[in-house]
């Protein structure tokens, strides 16, 4: 018989997600915390009357935290990696002939 460790993220008595890694469970819980805060922020704006849309937008922004930070200028995008250019070896004797 195998022993399996599961980490359960729970909100208001409701099981949201189950993970096999504590780090993944903590990251998901933190993302839900961000979504809750964003939901409150969006609610104060009075721009979105529909609470389900407000919740969808809050979750979207929380899931895409890195892109939001880039857009706000709070974080710089990493420099794109330059592709490796391989040197082309030419035979000097062929060119001289």
C-alpha atoms as a PDB file:
ATOM      1  CA  UNK A   1       0.000   0.000   0.000  1.00  0.00           C
ATOM      2  CA  UNK A   2       1.344   3.434  -0.954  1.00  0.00           C
ATOM      3  CA  UNK A   3       1.190   6.558   1.152  1.00  0.00           C
ATOM      4  CA  UNK A   4       0.346   9.673  -0.828  1.00  0.00           C
ATOM      5  CA  UNK A   5       0.749  13.164   0.579  1.00  0.00           C
ATOM      6  CA  UNK A   6      -1.717  15.724  -0.761  1.00  0.00           C
ATOM      7  CA  UNK A   7      -1.849  19.448  -0.130  1.00  0.00           C
ATOM      8  CA  UNK A   8      -5.344  20.877  -0.328  1.00  0.00           C
ATOM      9  CA  UNK A   9      -6.046  24.565  -0.885  1.00  0.00           C
ATOM     10  CA  UNK A  10      -9.287  25.467   0.836  1.00  0.00           C
ATOM     11  CA  UNK A  11     -11.231  28.743   0.858  1.00  0.00           C
ATOM     12  CA  UNK A  12     -14.249  29.390   3.067  1.00  0.00           C
ATOM     13  CA  UNK A  13     -14.678  25.679   3.697  1.00  0.00           C
ATOM     14  CA  UNK A  14     -14.590  24.861  -0.021  1.00  0.00           C
ATOM     15  CA  UNK A  15     -11.833  22.718  -1.498  1.00  0.00           C
ATOM     16  CA  UNK A  16     -10.348  24.644  -4.411  1.00  0.00           C
ATOM     17  CA  UNK A  17      -7.451  22.504  -5.614  1.00  0.00           C
ATOM     18  CA  UNK A  18      -5.274  19.580  -4.558  1.00  0.00           C
ATOM     19  CA  UNK A  19      -1.520  19.414  -5.140  1.00  0.00           C
ATOM     20  CA  UNK A  20       1.250  16.906  -4.517  1.00  0.00           C
ATOM     21  CA  UNK A  21       3.771  19.679  -3.840  1.00  0.00           C
ATOM     22  CA  UNK A  22       3.615  22.118  -0.925  1.00  0.00           C
ATOM     23  CA  UNK A  23       5.305  24.801  -3.039  1.00  0.00           C
ATOM     24  CA  UNK A  24       2.636  24.513  -5.745  1.00  0.00           C
ATOM     25  CA  UNK A  25      -0.150  24.638  -3.142  1.00  0.00           C
ATOM     26  CA  UNK A  26       1.405  27.738  -1.535  1.00  0.00           C
ATOM     27  CA  UNK A  27       1.767  29.458  -4.928  1.00  0.00           C
ATOM     28  CA  UNK A  28      -1.876  28.731  -5.791  1.00  0.00           C
ATOM     29  CA  UNK A  29      -3.031  29.976  -2.386  1.00  0.00           C
ATOM     30  CA  UNK A  30      -1.031  33.171  -2.874  1.00  0.00           C
ATOM     31  CA  UNK A  31      -2.581  33.633  -6.330  1.00  0.00           C
ATOM     32  CA  UNK A  32      -6.058  33.290  -4.773  1.00  0.00           C
ATOM     33  CA  UNK A  33      -5.102  35.933  -2.179  1.00  0.00           C
ATOM     34  CA  UNK A  34      -4.106  38.282  -5.008  1.00  0.00           C
ATOM     35  CA  UNK A  35      -7.368  37.585  -6.844  1.00  0.00           C
ATOM     36  CA  UNK A  36      -9.329  38.430  -3.679  1.00  0.00           C
ATOM     37  CA  UNK A  37      -7.507  41.751  -3.334  1.00  0.00           C
ATOM     38  CA  UNK A  38      -7.962  42.553  -7.023  1.00  0.00           C
ATOM     39  CA  UNK A  39     -11.676  41.710  -6.755  1.00  0.00           C
ATOM     40  CA  UNK A  40     -12.018  44.259  -3.954  1.00  0.00           C
ATOM     41  CA  UNK A  41     -10.071  46.847  -5.948  1.00  0.00           C
ATOM     42  CA  UNK A  42     -12.234  46.318  -9.031  1.00  0.00           C
ATOM     43  CA  UNK A  43     -15.341  46.607  -6.851  1.00  0.00           C
ATOM     44  CA  UNK A  44     -14.324  50.045  -5.639  1.00  0.00           C
ATOM     45  CA  UNK A  45     -13.930  51.277  -9.216  1.00  0.00           C
ATOM     46  CA  UNK A  46     -17.622  50.889 -10.068  1.00  0.00           C
ATOM     47  CA  UNK A  47     -16.546  50.128 -13.647  1.00  0.00           C
ATOM     48  CA  UNK A  48     -17.788  46.544 -13.530  1.00  0.00           C
ATOM     49  CA  UNK A  49     -21.274  45.940 -12.135  1.00  0.00           C
ATOM     50  CA  UNK A  50     -21.344  42.194 -12.831  1.00  0.00           C
ATOM     51  CA  UNK A  51     -19.633  40.423  -9.897  1.00  0.00           C
ATOM     52  CA  UNK A  52     -18.932  37.286 -11.939  1.00  0.00           C
ATOM     53  CA  UNK A  53     -17.074  39.374 -14.541  1.00  0.00           C
ATOM     54  CA  UNK A  54     -15.281  41.187 -11.736  1.00  0.00           C
ATOM     55  CA  UNK A  55     -14.199  37.812 -10.336  1.00  0.00           C
ATOM     56  CA  UNK A  56     -13.091  36.569 -13.780  1.00  0.00           C
ATOM     57  CA  UNK A  57     -10.981  39.671 -14.361  1.00  0.00           C
ATOM     58  CA  UNK A  58      -9.462  39.470 -10.872  1.00  0.00           C
ATOM     59  CA  UNK A  59      -8.482  35.807 -11.438  1.00  0.00           C
ATOM     60  CA  UNK A  60      -7.078  36.600 -14.874  1.00  0.00           C
ATOM     61  CA  UNK A  61      -4.927  39.421 -13.510  1.00  0.00           C
ATOM     62  CA  UNK A  62      -3.727  37.260 -10.598  1.00  0.00           C
ATOM     63  CA  UNK A  63      -2.833  34.386 -12.952  1.00  0.00           C
ATOM     64  CA  UNK A  64      -0.915  36.779 -15.201  1.00  0.00           C
ATOM     65  CA  UNK A  65       0.841  38.634 -12.391  1.00  0.00           C
ATOM     66  CA  UNK A  66       4.198  38.861 -14.189  1.00  0.00           C
ATOM     67  CA  UNK A  67       2.675  40.457 -17.294  1.00  0.00           C
ATOM     68  CA  UNK A  68       0.710  42.900 -15.108  1.00  0.00           C
ATOM     69  CA  UNK A  69       3.911  43.918 -13.314  1.00  0.00           C
ATOM     70  CA  UNK A  70       5.632  44.469 -16.680  1.00  0.00           C
ATOM     71  CA  UNK A  71       2.679  46.568 -17.902  1.00  0.00           C
ATOM     72  CA  UNK A  72       2.721  48.691 -14.744  1.00  0.00           C
ATOM     73  CA  UNK A  73       6.456  49.238 -15.046  1.00  0.00           C
ATOM     74  CA  UNK A  74       7.029  47.634 -11.657  1.00  0.00           C
ATOM     75  CA  UNK A  75       9.214  44.981 -13.232  1.00  0.00           C
ATOM     76  CA  UNK A  76      11.414  44.907 -16.318  1.00  0.00           C
ATOM     77  CA  UNK A  77      10.993  42.305 -18.998  1.00  0.00           C
ATOM     78  CA  UNK A  78      14.024  40.055 -19.301  1.00  0.00           C
ATOM     79  CA  UNK A  79      16.212  40.835 -22.278  1.00  0.00           C
ATOM     80  CA  UNK A  80      15.519  38.480 -25.160  1.00  0.00           C
ATOM     81  CA  UNK A  81      18.111  35.804 -25.582  1.00  0.00           C
ATOM     82  CA  UNK A  82      20.186  36.207 -28.691  1.00  0.00           C
ATOM     83  CA  UNK A  83      20.246  33.117 -30.894  1.00  0.00           C
ATOM     84  CA  UNK A  84      23.594  31.433 -31.142  1.00  0.00           C
ATOM     85  CA  UNK A  85      25.236  32.156 -34.453  1.00  0.00           C
ATOM     86  CA  UNK A  86      27.528  29.428 -35.634  1.00  0.00           C
ATOM     87  CA  UNK A  87      30.620  30.500 -37.516  1.00  0.00           C
ATOM     88  CA  UNK A  88      30.787  29.243 -41.064  1.00  0.00           C
ATOM     89  CA  UNK A  89      34.145  27.735 -41.812  1.00  0.00           C
ATOM     90  CA  UNK A  90      35.370  28.362 -45.300  1.00  0.00           C
ATOM     91  CA  UNK A  91      38.314  26.791 -46.949  1.00  0.00           C
ATOM     92  CA  UNK A  92      40.788  29.536 -47.888  1.00  0.00           C
ATOM     93  CA  UNK A  93      42.391  27.368 -50.572  1.00  0.00           C
ATOM     94  CA  UNK A  94      39.047  27.104 -52.425  1.00  0.00           C
ATOM     95  CA  UNK A  95      38.616  30.894 -52.427  1.00  0.00           C
ATOM     96  CA  UNK A  96      42.126  31.517 -53.793  1.00  0.00           C
ATOM     97  CA  UNK A  97      41.744  29.118 -56.715  1.00  0.00           C
END
